[in-house]
Amino acid sequence: MLSQEIINRIINFGESSERLIGKQIKIRQEISVNKDNFDRHFTCFTNFEFKLTHFGIRMSGQKMMFMGNEFNYEIDSRCLIEFQENNNDEYILIEKLSEEVYKKTFLNFK
């Protein structure tokens, strides 16, 4: 179950997301079998970047959707165990996908 703090962060992010439309979004995704260790021995890494054209939250399935013209990226908000915000439009989100699999996503908007 999501903590009230994470629910509030998702709501705040959604309410302020309009200002991010049109910005470049750089995403670093890390999938690990060790929540406390996202180093190269436990983790698969992916990096990509695109222009954000739309952000939405799909209520059925509770997915946060980051959409571009040719690329989309989703985060399962039901699985979020961490949602960190930095001052410079940088965010770190960790999803617990199973008992042994964690996905850490770094979002950087420019």
PDB file of N, CA and C in Angstrom:
ATOM      1  N   MET A   1       0.837  -1.188   0.000  1.00  0.00           N
ATOM      2  CA  MET A   1       0.000   0.000   0.000  1.00  0.00           C
ATOM      3  C   MET A   1       0.878   1.246   0.000  1.00  0.00           C
ATOM      4  N   LEU A   2       0.487   2.230  -0.794  1.00  0.00           N
ATOM      5  CA  LEU A   2       1.244   3.470  -0.890  1.00  0.00           C
ATOM      6  C   LEU A   2       1.142   4.277   0.396  1.00  0.00           C
ATOM      7  N   SER A   3       2.263   4.897   0.750  1.00  0.00           N
ATOM      8  CA  SER A   3       2.230   5.798   1.901  1.00  0.00           C
ATOM      9  C   SER A   3       1.526   7.089   1.494  1.00  0.00           C
ATOM     10  N   GLN A   4       0.977   7.787   2.463  1.00  0.00           N
ATOM     11  CA  GLN A   4       0.311   9.060   2.175  1.00  0.00           C
ATOM     12  C   GLN A   4       1.306  10.057   1.602  1.00  0.00           C
ATOM     13  N   GLU A   5       2.552  10.002   2.027  1.00  0.00           N
ATOM     14  CA  GLU A   5       3.583  10.910   1.510  1.00  0.00           C
ATOM     15  C   GLU A   5       3.785  10.702   0.008  1.00  0.00           C
ATOM     16  N   ILE A   6       3.866   9.447  -0.438  1.00  0.00           N
ATOM     17  CA  ILE A   6       4.050   9.169  -1.863  1.00  0.00           C
ATOM     18  C   ILE A   6       2.804   9.575  -2.645  1.00  0.00           C
ATOM     19  N   ILE A   7       1.621   9.311  -2.107  1.00  0.00           N
ATOM     20  CA  ILE A   7       0.374   9.738  -2.767  1.00  0.00           C
ATOM     21  C   ILE A   7       0.378  11.252  -2.963  1.00  0.00           C
ATOM     22  N   ASN A   8       0.773  11.996  -1.936  1.00  0.00           N
ATOM     23  CA  ASN A   8       0.821  13.456  -2.021  1.00  0.00           C
ATOM     24  C   ASN A   8       1.837  13.910  -3.070  1.00  0.00           C
ATOM     25  N   ARG A   9       2.973  13.234  -3.153  1.00  0.00           N
ATOM     26  CA  ARG A   9       3.988  13.604  -4.152  1.00  0.00           C
ATOM     27  C   ARG A   9       3.496  13.337  -5.570  1.00  0.00           C
ATOM     28  N   ILE A  10       2.784  12.232  -5.757  1.00  0.00           N
ATOM     29  CA  ILE A  10       2.218  11.927  -7.075  1.00  0.00           C
ATOM     30  C   ILE A  10       1.197  13.006  -7.460  1.00  0.00           C
ATOM     31  N   ILE A  11       0.338  13.369  -6.528  1.00  0.00           N
ATOM     32  CA  ILE A  11      -0.671  14.410  -6.789  1.00  0.00           C
ATOM     33  C   ILE A  11       0.003  15.737  -7.119  1.00  0.00           C
ATOM     34  N   ASN A  12       0.992  16.135  -6.328  1.00  0.00           N
ATOM     35  CA  ASN A  12       1.700  17.395  -6.576  1.00  0.00           C
ATOM     36  C   ASN A  12       2.405  17.375  -7.930  1.00  0.00           C
ATOM     37  N   PHE A  13       3.021  16.243  -8.255  1.00  0.00           N
ATOM     38  CA  PHE A  13       3.698  16.125  -9.544  1.00  0.00           C
ATOM     39  C   PHE A  13       2.682  16.272 -10.677  1.00  0.00           C
ATOM     40  N   GLY A  14       1.574  15.560 -10.568  1.00  0.00           N
ATOM     41  CA  GLY A  14       0.536  15.635 -11.595  1.00  0.00           C
ATOM     42  C   GLY A  14      -0.016  17.036 -11.765  1.00  0.00           C
ATOM     43  N   GLU A  15      -0.249  17.726 -10.653  1.00  0.00           N
ATOM     44  CA  GLU A  15      -0.806  19.080 -10.714  1.00  0.00           C
ATOM     45  C   GLU A  15       0.165  20.086 -11.322  1.00  0.00           C
ATOM     46  N   SER A  16       1.462  19.848 -11.180  1.00  0.00           N
ATOM     47  CA  SER A  16       2.453  20.794 -11.719  1.00  0.00           C
ATOM     48  C   SER A  16       3.078  20.312 -13.025  1.00  0.00           C
ATOM     49  N   SER A  17       2.598  19.206 -13.560  1.00  0.00           N
ATOM     50  CA  SER A  17       3.224  18.600 -14.734  1.00  0.00           C
ATOM     51  C   SER A  17       3.095  19.432 -15.998  1.00  0.00           C
ATOM     52  N   GLU A  18       2.109  20.290 -16.080  1.00  0.00           N
ATOM     53  CA  GLU A  18       1.901  21.080 -17.295  1.00  0.00           C
ATOM     54  C   GLU A  18       3.131  21.926 -17.640  1.00  0.00           C
ATOM     55  N   ARG A  19       3.851  22.384 -16.639  1.00  0.00           N
ATOM     56  CA  ARG A  19       5.036  23.215 -16.878  1.00  0.00           C
ATOM     57  C   ARG A  19       6.186  22.411 -17.494  1.00  0.00           C
ATOM     58  N   LEU A  20       6.094  21.072 -17.446  1.00  0.00           N
ATOM     59  CA  LEU A  20       7.155  20.214 -17.991  1.00  0.00           C
ATOM     60  C   LEU A  20       6.922  19.862 -19.459  1.00  0.00           C
ATOM     61  N   ILE A  21       5.707  20.080 -19.951  1.00  0.00           N
ATOM     62  CA  ILE A  21       5.382  19.759 -21.338  1.00  0.00           C
ATOM     63  C   ILE A  21       6.258  20.611 -22.260  1.00  0.00           C
ATOM     64  N   GLY A  22       6.855  19.970 -23.250  1.00  0.00           N
ATOM     65  CA  GLY A  22       7.746  20.656 -24.183  1.00  0.00           C
ATOM     66  C   GLY A  22       9.211  20.584 -23.797  1.00  0.00           C
ATOM     67  N   LYS A  23       9.495  20.164 -22.573  1.00  0.00           N
ATOM     68  CA  LYS A  23      10.884  20.024 -22.138  1.00  0.00           C
ATOM     69  C   LYS A  23      11.433  18.664 -22.562  1.00  0.00           C
ATOM     70  N   GLN A  24      12.753  18.603 -22.676  1.00  0.00           N
ATOM     71  CA  GLN A  24      13.417  17.324 -22.894  1.00  0.00           C
ATOM     72  C   GLN A  24      13.389  16.557 -21.582  1.00  0.00           C
ATOM     73  N   ILE A  25      13.066  15.280 -21.643  1.00  0.00           N
ATOM     74  CA  ILE A  25      13.112  14.433 -20.463  1.00  0.00           C
ATOM     75  C   ILE A  25      14.199  13.389 -20.684  1.00  0.00           C
ATOM     76  N   LYS A  26      15.136  13.367 -19.773  1.00  0.00           N
ATOM     77  CA  LYS A  26      16.205  12.368 -19.803  1.00  0.00           C
ATOM     78  C   LYS A  26      15.870  11.336 -18.728  1.00  0.00           C
ATOM     79  N   ILE A  27      15.811  10.072 -19.132  1.00  0.00           N
ATOM     80  CA  ILE A  27      15.429   9.004 -18.212  1.00  0.00           C
ATOM     81  C   ILE A  27      16.561   8.006 -18.096  1.00  0.00           C
ATOM     82  N   ARG A  28      16.897   7.687 -16.882  1.00  0.00           N
ATOM     83  CA  ARG A  28      17.843   6.596 -16.599  1.00  0.00           C
ATOM     84  C   ARG A  28      17.052   5.575 -15.797  1.00  0.00           C
ATOM     85  N   GLN A  29      16.960   4.384 -16.337  1.00  0.00           N
ATOM     86  CA  GLN A  29      16.221   3.312 -15.672  1.00  0.00           C
ATOM     87  C   GLN A  29      17.212   2.249 -15.218  1.00  0.00           C
ATOM     88  N   GLU A  30      17.072   1.827 -13.986  1.00  0.00           N
ATOM     89  CA  GLU A  30      17.916   0.772 -13.428  1.00  0.00           C
ATOM     90  C   GLU A  30      17.002  -0.308 -12.862  1.00  0.00           C
ATOM     91  N   ILE A  31      17.209  -1.545 -13.285  1.00  0.00           N
ATOM     92  CA  ILE A  31      16.436  -2.665 -12.762  1.00  0.00           C
ATOM     93  C   ILE A  31      17.406  -3.574 -12.021  1.00  0.00           C
ATOM     94  N   SER A  32      17.123  -3.810 -10.744  1.00  0.00           N
ATOM     95  CA  SER A  32      18.035  -4.545  -9.872  1.00  0.00           C
ATOM     96  C   SER A  32      17.303  -5.641  -9.110  1.00  0.00           C
ATOM     97  N   VAL A  33      18.061  -6.627  -8.706  1.00  0.00           N
ATOM     98  CA  VAL A  33      17.529  -7.676  -7.839  1.00  0.00           C
ATOM     99  C   VAL A  33      17.939  -7.427  -6.383  1.00  0.00           C
ATOM    100  N   ASN A  34      18.433  -6.226  -6.111  1.00  0.00           N
ATOM    101  CA  ASN A  34      18.866  -5.871  -4.769  1.00  0.00           C
ATOM    102  C   ASN A  34      18.484  -4.411  -4.513  1.00  0.00           C
ATOM    103  N   LYS A  35      17.456  -4.161  -3.701  1.00  0.00           N
ATOM    104  CA  LYS A  35      16.959  -2.802  -3.460  1.00  0.00           C
ATOM    105  C   LYS A  35      18.038  -1.856  -2.942  1.00  0.00           C
ATOM    106  N   ASP A  36      18.938  -2.378  -2.148  1.00  0.00           N
ATOM    107  CA  ASP A  36      19.947  -1.528  -1.518  1.00  0.00           C
ATOM    108  C   ASP A  36      21.232  -1.418  -2.317  1.00  0.00           C
ATOM    109  N   ASN A  37      21.287  -2.101  -3.476  1.00  0.00           N
ATOM    110  CA  ASN A  37      22.523  -2.086  -4.245  1.00  0.00           C
ATOM    111  C   ASN A  37      22.192  -2.083  -5.732  1.00  0.00           C
ATOM    112  N   PHE A  38      22.259  -0.897  -6.327  1.00  0.00           N
ATOM    113  CA  PHE A  38      22.002  -0.759  -7.754  1.00  0.00           C
ATOM    114  C   PHE A  38      23.320  -0.659  -8.522  1.00  0.00           C
ATOM    115  N   ASP A  39      24.348  -1.388  -8.082  1.00  0.00           N
ATOM    116  CA  ASP A  39      25.610  -1.342  -8.820  1.00  0.00           C
ATOM    117  C   ASP A  39      25.573  -2.301 -10.007  1.00  0.00           C
ATOM    118  N   ARG A  40      26.635  -2.315 -10.806  1.00  0.00           N
ATOM    119  CA  ARG A  40      26.655  -3.064 -12.059  1.00  0.00           C
ATOM    120  C   ARG A  40      26.559  -4.567 -11.880  1.00  0.00           C
ATOM    121  N   HIS A  41      26.777  -5.066 -10.685  1.00  0.00           N
ATOM    122  CA  HIS A  41      26.720  -6.510 -10.457  1.00  0.00           C
ATOM    123  C   HIS A  41      25.287  -7.022 -10.307  1.00  0.00           C
ATOM    124  N   PHE A  42      24.375  -6.153  -9.938  1.00  0.00           N
ATOM    125  CA  PHE A  42      22.982  -6.548  -9.681  1.00  0.00           C
ATOM    126  C   PHE A  42      21.986  -5.888 -10.638  1.00  0.00           C
ATOM    127  N   THR A  43      22.461  -5.005 -11.527  1.00  0.00           N
ATOM    128  CA  THR A  43      21.564  -4.068 -12.205  1.00  0.00           C
ATOM    129  C   THR A  43      21.738  -4.054 -13.716  1.00  0.00           C
ATOM    130  N   CYS A  44      20.613  -3.882 -14.427  1.00  0.00           N
ATOM    131  CA  CYS A  44      20.596  -3.596 -15.867  1.00  0.00           C
ATOM    132  C   CYS A  44      20.252  -2.118 -16.018  1.00  0.00           C
ATOM    133  N   PHE A  45      20.977  -1.413 -16.890  1.00  0.00           N
ATOM    134  CA  PHE A  45      20.818   0.027 -17.054  1.00  0.00           C
ATOM    135  C   PHE A  45      20.289   0.365 -18.440  1.00  0.00           C
ATOM    136  N   THR A  46      19.434   1.387 -18.501  1.00  0.00           N
ATOM    137  CA  THR A  46      18.934   1.911 -19.760  1.00  0.00           C
ATOM    138  C   THR A  46      18.872   3.433 -19.648  1.00  0.00           C
ATOM    139  N   ASN A  47      19.313   4.123 -20.704  1.00  0.00           N
ATOM    140  CA  ASN A  47      19.258   5.587 -20.754  1.00  0.00           C
ATOM    141  C   ASN A  47      18.600   6.016 -22.058  1.00  0.00           C
ATOM    142  N   PHE A  48      17.733   7.012 -21.997  1.00  0.00           N
ATOM    143  CA  PHE A  48      17.127   7.551 -23.206  1.00  0.00           C
ATOM    144  C   PHE A  48      16.597   8.945 -22.917  1.00  0.00           C
ATOM    145  N   GLU A  49      16.271   9.649 -23.994  1.00  0.00           N
ATOM    146  CA  GLU A  49      15.835  11.036 -23.874  1.00  0.00           C
ATOM    147  C   GLU A  49      14.830  11.330 -24.980  1.00  0.00           C
ATOM    148  N   PHE A  50      13.809  12.138 -24.664  1.00  0.00           N
ATOM    149  CA  PHE A  50      12.836  12.563 -25.663  1.00  0.00           C
ATOM    150  C   PHE A  50      12.147  13.827 -25.180  1.00  0.00           C
ATOM    151  N   LYS A  51      11.434  14.467 -26.092  1.00  0.00           N
ATOM    152  CA  LYS A  51      10.673  15.671 -25.751  1.00  0.00           C
ATOM    153  C   LYS A  51       9.314  15.248 -25.203  1.00  0.00           C
ATOM    154  N   LEU A  52       8.982  15.728 -24.013  1.00  0.00           N
ATOM    155  CA  LEU A  52       7.715  15.380 -23.367  1.00  0.00           C
ATOM    156  C   LEU A  52       6.577  16.155 -24.032  1.00  0.00           C
ATOM    157  N   THR A  53       5.607  15.420 -24.581  1.00  0.00           N
ATOM    158  CA  THR A  53       4.452  16.058 -25.208  1.00  0.00           C
ATOM    159  C   THR A  53       3.194  15.939 -24.357  1.00  0.00           C
ATOM    160  N   HIS A  54       3.171  14.962 -23.447  1.00  0.00           N
ATOM    161  CA  HIS A  54       1.997  14.766 -22.603  1.00  0.00           C
ATOM    162  C   HIS A  54       2.392  13.975 -21.354  1.00  0.00           C
ATOM    163  N   PHE A  55       1.782  14.329 -20.238  1.00  0.00           N
ATOM    164  CA  PHE A  55       1.906  13.543 -19.007  1.00  0.00           C
ATOM    165  C   PHE A  55       0.498  13.251 -18.526  1.00  0.00           C
ATOM    166  N   GLY A  56       0.278  12.033 -18.064  1.00  0.00           N
ATOM    167  CA  GLY A  56      -1.023  11.686 -17.528  1.00  0.00           C
ATOM    168  C   GLY A  56      -0.911  10.546 -16.541  1.00  0.00           C
ATOM    169  N   ILE A  57      -1.963  10.365 -15.773  1.00  0.00           N
ATOM    170  CA  ILE A  57      -2.041   9.241 -14.848  1.00  0.00           C
ATOM    171  C   ILE A  57      -3.269   8.436 -15.236  1.00  0.00           C
ATOM    172  N   ARG A  58      -3.033   7.204 -15.623  1.00  0.00           N
ATOM    173  CA  ARG A  58      -4.122   6.312 -16.001  1.00  0.00           C
ATOM    174  C   ARG A  58      -4.682   5.708 -14.721  1.00  0.00           C
ATOM    175  N   MET A  59      -5.921   6.023 -14.413  1.00  0.00           N
ATOM    176  CA  MET A  59      -6.510   5.563 -13.158  1.00  0.00           C
ATOM    177  C   MET A  59      -6.691   4.056 -13.135  1.00  0.00           C
ATOM    178  N   SER A  60      -7.085   3.458 -14.275  1.00  0.00           N
ATOM    179  CA  SER A  60      -7.161   1.997 -14.313  1.00  0.00           C
ATOM    180  C   SER A  60      -5.731   1.494 -14.467  1.00  0.00           C
ATOM    181  N   GLY A  61      -5.219   0.887 -13.451  1.00  0.00           N
ATOM    182  CA  GLY A  61      -3.836   0.435 -13.461  1.00  0.00           C
ATOM    183  C   GLY A  61      -2.880   1.384 -12.780  1.00  0.00           C
ATOM    184  N   GLN A  62      -3.311   2.610 -12.555  1.00  0.00           N
ATOM    185  CA  GLN A  62      -2.531   3.616 -11.825  1.00  0.00           C
ATOM    186  C   GLN A  62      -1.121   3.794 -12.369  1.00  0.00           C
ATOM    187  N   LYS A  63      -1.021   4.001 -13.669  1.00  0.00           N
ATOM    188  CA  LYS A  63       0.272   4.222 -14.323  1.00  0.00           C
ATOM    189  C   LYS A  63       0.506   5.706 -14.547  1.00  0.00           C
ATOM    190  N   MET A  64       1.726   6.161 -14.262  1.00  0.00           N
ATOM    191  CA  MET A  64       2.154   7.510 -14.614  1.00  0.00           C
ATOM    192  C   MET A  64       2.740   7.407 -16.015  1.00  0.00           C
ATOM    193  N   MET A  65       2.211   8.187 -16.960  1.00  0.00           N
ATOM    194  CA  MET A  65       2.602   8.063 -18.358  1.00  0.00           C
ATOM    195  C   MET A  65       3.338   9.317 -18.814  1.00  0.00           C
ATOM    196  N   PHE A  66       4.550   9.130 -19.307  1.00  0.00           N
ATOM    197  CA  PHE A  66       5.362  10.196 -19.885  1.00  0.00           C
ATOM    198  C   PHE A  66       5.409   9.924 -21.380  1.00  0.00           C
ATOM    199  N   MET A  67       4.819  10.827 -22.192  1.00  0.00           N
ATOM    200  CA  MET A  67       4.654  10.542 -23.615  1.00  0.00           C
ATOM    201  C   MET A  67       5.380  11.553 -24.477  1.00  0.00           C
ATOM    202  N   GLY A  68       5.971  11.024 -25.530  1.00  0.00           N
ATOM    203  CA  GLY A  68       6.593  11.835 -26.564  1.00  0.00           C
ATOM    204  C   GLY A  68       6.009  11.440 -27.902  1.00  0.00           C
ATOM    205  N   ASN A  69       6.476  12.063 -28.963  1.00  0.00           N
ATOM    206  CA  ASN A  69       5.959  11.750 -30.292  1.00  0.00           C
ATOM    207  C   ASN A  69       6.285  10.320 -30.706  1.00  0.00           C
ATOM    208  N   GLU A  70       7.453   9.839 -30.341  1.00  0.00           N
ATOM    209  CA  GLU A  70       7.859   8.512 -30.779  1.00  0.00           C
ATOM    210  C   GLU A  70       8.233   7.580 -29.627  1.00  0.00           C
ATOM    211  N   PHE A  71       8.044   8.029 -28.400  1.00  0.00           N
ATOM    212  CA  PHE A  71       8.447   7.209 -27.273  1.00  0.00           C
ATOM    213  C   PHE A  71       7.555   7.497 -26.079  1.00  0.00           C
ATOM    214  N   ASN A  72       7.223   6.464 -25.317  1.00  0.00           N
ATOM    215  CA  ASN A  72       6.454   6.600 -24.074  1.00  0.00           C
ATOM    216  C   ASN A  72       7.176   5.838 -22.974  1.00  0.00           C
ATOM    217  N   TYR A  73       6.979   6.299 -21.747  1.00  0.00           N
ATOM    218  CA  TYR A  73       7.565   5.622 -20.592  1.00  0.00           C
ATOM    219  C   TYR A  73       6.527   5.631 -19.481  1.00  0.00           C
ATOM    220  N   GLU A  74       6.396   4.499 -18.775  1.00  0.00           N
ATOM    221  CA  GLU A  74       5.399   4.415 -17.704  1.00  0.00           C
ATOM    222  C   GLU A  74       6.024   3.957 -16.399  1.00  0.00           C
ATOM    223  N   ILE A  75       5.439   4.448 -15.327  1.00  0.00           N
ATOM    224  CA  ILE A  75       5.798   4.046 -13.971  1.00  0.00           C
ATOM    225  C   ILE A  75       4.526   3.564 -13.304  1.00  0.00           C
ATOM    226  N   ASP A  76       4.598   2.426 -12.645  1.00  0.00           N
ATOM    227  CA  ASP A  76       3.440   1.877 -11.938  1.00  0.00           C
ATOM    228  C   ASP A  76       3.384   2.514 -10.552  1.00  0.00           C
ATOM    229  N   SER A  77       2.491   3.472 -10.390  1.00  0.00           N
ATOM    230  CA  SER A  77       2.451   4.207  -9.120  1.00  0.00           C
ATOM    231  C   SER A  77       2.037   3.323  -7.945  1.00  0.00           C
ATOM    232  N   ARG A  78       1.357   2.199  -8.211  1.00  0.00           N
ATOM    233  CA  ARG A  78       0.989   1.283  -7.117  1.00  0.00           C
ATOM    234  C   ARG A  78       2.213   0.632  -6.497  1.00  0.00           C
ATOM    235  N   CYS A  79       3.304   0.557  -7.259  1.00  0.00           N
ATOM    236  CA  CYS A  79       4.515  -0.129  -6.807  1.00  0.00           C
ATOM    237  C   CYS A  79       5.547   0.822  -6.210  1.00  0.00           C
ATOM    238  N   LEU A  80       5.268   2.124  -6.192  1.00  0.00           N
ATOM    239  CA  LEU A  80       6.262   3.094  -5.708  1.00  0.00           C
ATOM    240  C   LEU A  80       6.530   2.914  -4.216  1.00  0.00           C
ATOM    241  N   ILE A  81       7.809   2.824  -3.894  1.00  0.00           N
ATOM    242  CA  ILE A  81       8.211   2.784  -2.491  1.00  0.00           C
ATOM    243  C   ILE A  81       9.040   4.014  -2.120  1.00  0.00           C
ATOM    244  N   GLU A  82       9.512   4.748  -3.154  1.00  0.00           N
ATOM    245  CA  GLU A  82      10.230   6.006  -2.929  1.00  0.00           C
ATOM    246  C   GLU A  82       9.911   6.974  -4.056  1.00  0.00           C
ATOM    247  N   PHE A  83       9.801   8.263  -3.707  1.00  0.00           N
ATOM    248  CA  PHE A  83       9.580   9.318  -4.690  1.00  0.00           C
ATOM    249  C   PHE A  83      10.325  10.536  -4.161  1.00  0.00           C
ATOM    250  N   GLN A  84      11.501  10.795  -4.713  1.00  0.00           N
ATOM    251  CA  GLN A  84      12.339  11.903  -4.262  1.00  0.00           C
ATOM    252  C   GLN A  84      12.303  13.012  -5.302  1.00  0.00           C
ATOM    253  N   GLU A  85      12.286  14.251  -4.826  1.00  0.00           N
ATOM    254  CA  GLU A  85      12.309  15.413  -5.707  1.00  0.00           C
ATOM    255  C   GLU A  85      13.521  16.271  -5.375  1.00  0.00           C
ATOM    256  N   ASN A  86      14.233  16.701  -6.414  1.00  0.00           N
ATOM    257  CA  ASN A  86      15.317  17.649  -6.240  1.00  0.00           C
ATOM    258  C   ASN A  86      14.858  18.999  -6.772  1.00  0.00           C
ATOM    259  N   ASN A  87      15.601  20.036  -6.503  1.00  0.00           N
ATOM    260  CA  ASN A  87      15.192  21.387  -6.869  1.00  0.00           C
ATOM    261  C   ASN A  87      15.240  21.669  -8.361  1.00  0.00           C
ATOM    262  N   ASN A  88      16.027  20.953  -9.111  1.00  0.00           N
ATOM    263  CA  ASN A  88      16.272  21.290 -10.515  1.00  0.00           C
ATOM    264  C   ASN A  88      15.496  20.401 -11.474  1.00  0.00           C
ATOM    265  N   ASP A  89      14.219  20.173 -11.214  1.00  0.00           N
ATOM    266  CA  ASP A  89      13.391  19.302 -12.063  1.00  0.00           C
ATOM    267  C   ASP A  89      14.009  17.926 -12.217  1.00  0.00           C
ATOM    268  N   GLU A  90      14.548  17.395 -11.139  1.00  0.00           N
ATOM    269  CA  GLU A  90      15.094  16.048 -11.110  1.00  0.00           C
ATOM    270  C   GLU A  90      14.313  15.228 -10.085  1.00  0.00           C
ATOM    271  N   TYR A  91      13.990  14.000 -10.464  1.00  0.00           N
ATOM    272  CA  TYR A  91      13.187  13.121  -9.617  1.00  0.00           C
ATOM    273  C   TYR A  91      13.803  11.732  -9.627  1.00  0.00           C
ATOM    274  N   ILE A  92      13.685  11.038  -8.495  1.00  0.00           N
ATOM    275  CA  ILE A  92      14.115   9.643  -8.397  1.00  0.00           C
ATOM    276  C   ILE A  92      12.941   8.858  -7.849  1.00  0.00           C
ATOM    277  N   LEU A  93      12.523   7.831  -8.579  1.00  0.00           N
ATOM    278  CA  LEU A  93      11.393   6.996  -8.174  1.00  0.00           C
ATOM    279  C   LEU A  93      11.851   5.547  -8.125  1.00  0.00           C
ATOM    280  N   ILE A  94      11.467   4.840  -7.075  1.00  0.00           N
ATOM    281  CA  ILE A  94      11.791   3.412  -6.964  1.00  0.00           C
ATOM    282  C   ILE A  94      10.491   2.639  -6.861  1.00  0.00           C
ATOM    283  N   GLU A  95      10.371   1.648  -7.751  1.00  0.00           N
ATOM    284  CA  GLU A  95       9.225   0.750  -7.748  1.00  0.00           C
ATOM    285  C   GLU A  95       9.682  -0.623  -7.268  1.00  0.00           C
ATOM    286  N   LYS A  96       8.880  -1.238  -6.445  1.00  0.00           N
ATOM    287  CA  LYS A  96       9.106  -2.627  -6.048  1.00  0.00           C
ATOM    288  C   LYS A  96       8.198  -3.469  -6.934  1.00  0.00           C
ATOM    289  N   LEU A  97       8.804  -4.125  -7.938  1.00  0.00           N
ATOM    290  CA  LEU A  97       8.032  -4.881  -8.917  1.00  0.00           C
ATOM    291  C   LEU A  97       7.703  -6.286  -8.442  1.00  0.00           C
ATOM    292  N   SER A  98       8.542  -6.844  -7.577  1.00  0.00           N
ATOM    293  CA  SER A  98       8.295  -8.156  -6.970  1.00  0.00           C
ATOM    294  C   SER A  98       9.137  -8.219  -5.703  1.00  0.00           C
ATOM    295  N   GLU A  99       9.156  -9.349  -5.063  1.00  0.00           N
ATOM    296  CA  GLU A  99       9.960  -9.483  -3.834  1.00  0.00           C
ATOM    297  C   GLU A  99      11.448  -9.282  -4.099  1.00  0.00           C
ATOM    298  N   GLU A 100      11.887  -9.530  -5.343  1.00  0.00           N
ATOM    299  CA  GLU A 100      13.321  -9.452  -5.646  1.00  0.00           C
ATOM    300  C   GLU A 100      13.680  -8.464  -6.741  1.00  0.00           C
ATOM    301  N   VAL A 101      12.714  -7.818  -7.357  1.00  0.00           N
ATOM    302  CA  VAL A 101      13.013  -6.943  -8.492  1.00  0.00           C
ATOM    303  C   VAL A 101      12.558  -5.516  -8.182  1.00  0.00           C
ATOM    304  N   TYR A 102      13.492  -4.578  -8.367  1.00  0.00           N
ATOM    305  CA  TYR A 102      13.248  -3.169  -8.112  1.00  0.00           C
ATOM    306  C   TYR A 102      13.627  -2.369  -9.351  1.00  0.00           C
ATOM    307  N   LYS A 103      12.844  -1.331  -9.646  1.00  0.00           N
ATOM    308  CA  LYS A 103      13.145  -0.450 -10.768  1.00  0.00           C
ATOM    309  C   LYS A 103      13.334   0.954 -10.223  1.00  0.00           C
ATOM    310  N   LYS A 104      14.517   1.500 -10.463  1.00  0.00           N
ATOM    311  CA  LYS A 104      14.810   2.881 -10.062  1.00  0.00           C
ATOM    312  C   LYS A 104      14.824   3.719 -11.332  1.00  0.00           C
ATOM    313  N   THR A 105      14.078   4.821 -11.314  1.00  0.00           N
ATOM    314  CA  THR A 105      13.992   5.709 -12.465  1.00  0.00           C
ATOM    315  C   THR A 105      14.435   7.097 -12.056  1.00  0.00           C
ATOM    316  N   PHE A 106      15.385   7.631 -12.812  1.00  0.00           N
ATOM    317  CA  PHE A 106      15.841   9.019 -12.648  1.00  0.00           C
ATOM    318  C   PHE A 106      15.200   9.821 -13.770  1.00  0.00           C
ATOM    319  N   LEU A 107      14.464  10.856 -13.431  1.00  0.00           N
ATOM    320  CA  LEU A 107      13.848  11.750 -14.417  1.00  0.00           C
ATOM    321  C   LEU A 107      14.531  13.107 -14.309  1.00  0.00           C
ATOM    322  N   ASN A 108      15.002  13.617 -15.419  1.00  0.00           N
ATOM    323  CA  ASN A 108      15.648  14.932 -15.441  1.00  0.00           C
ATOM    324  C   ASN A 108      15.036  15.721 -16.596  1.00  0.00           C
ATOM    325  N   PHE A 109      14.421  16.851 -16.278  1.00  0.00           N
ATOM    326  CA  PHE A 109      13.767  17.687 -17.283  1.00  0.00           C
ATOM    327  C   PHE A 109      14.635  18.891 -17.578  1.00  0.00           C
ATOM    328  N   LYS A 110      14.856  19.152 -18.876  1.00  0.00           N
ATOM    329  CA  LYS A 110      15.692  20.300 -19.285  1.00  0.00           C
ATOM    330  C   LYS A 110      14.898  21.183 -20.213  1.00  0.00           C
TER     331      LYS A 110
END
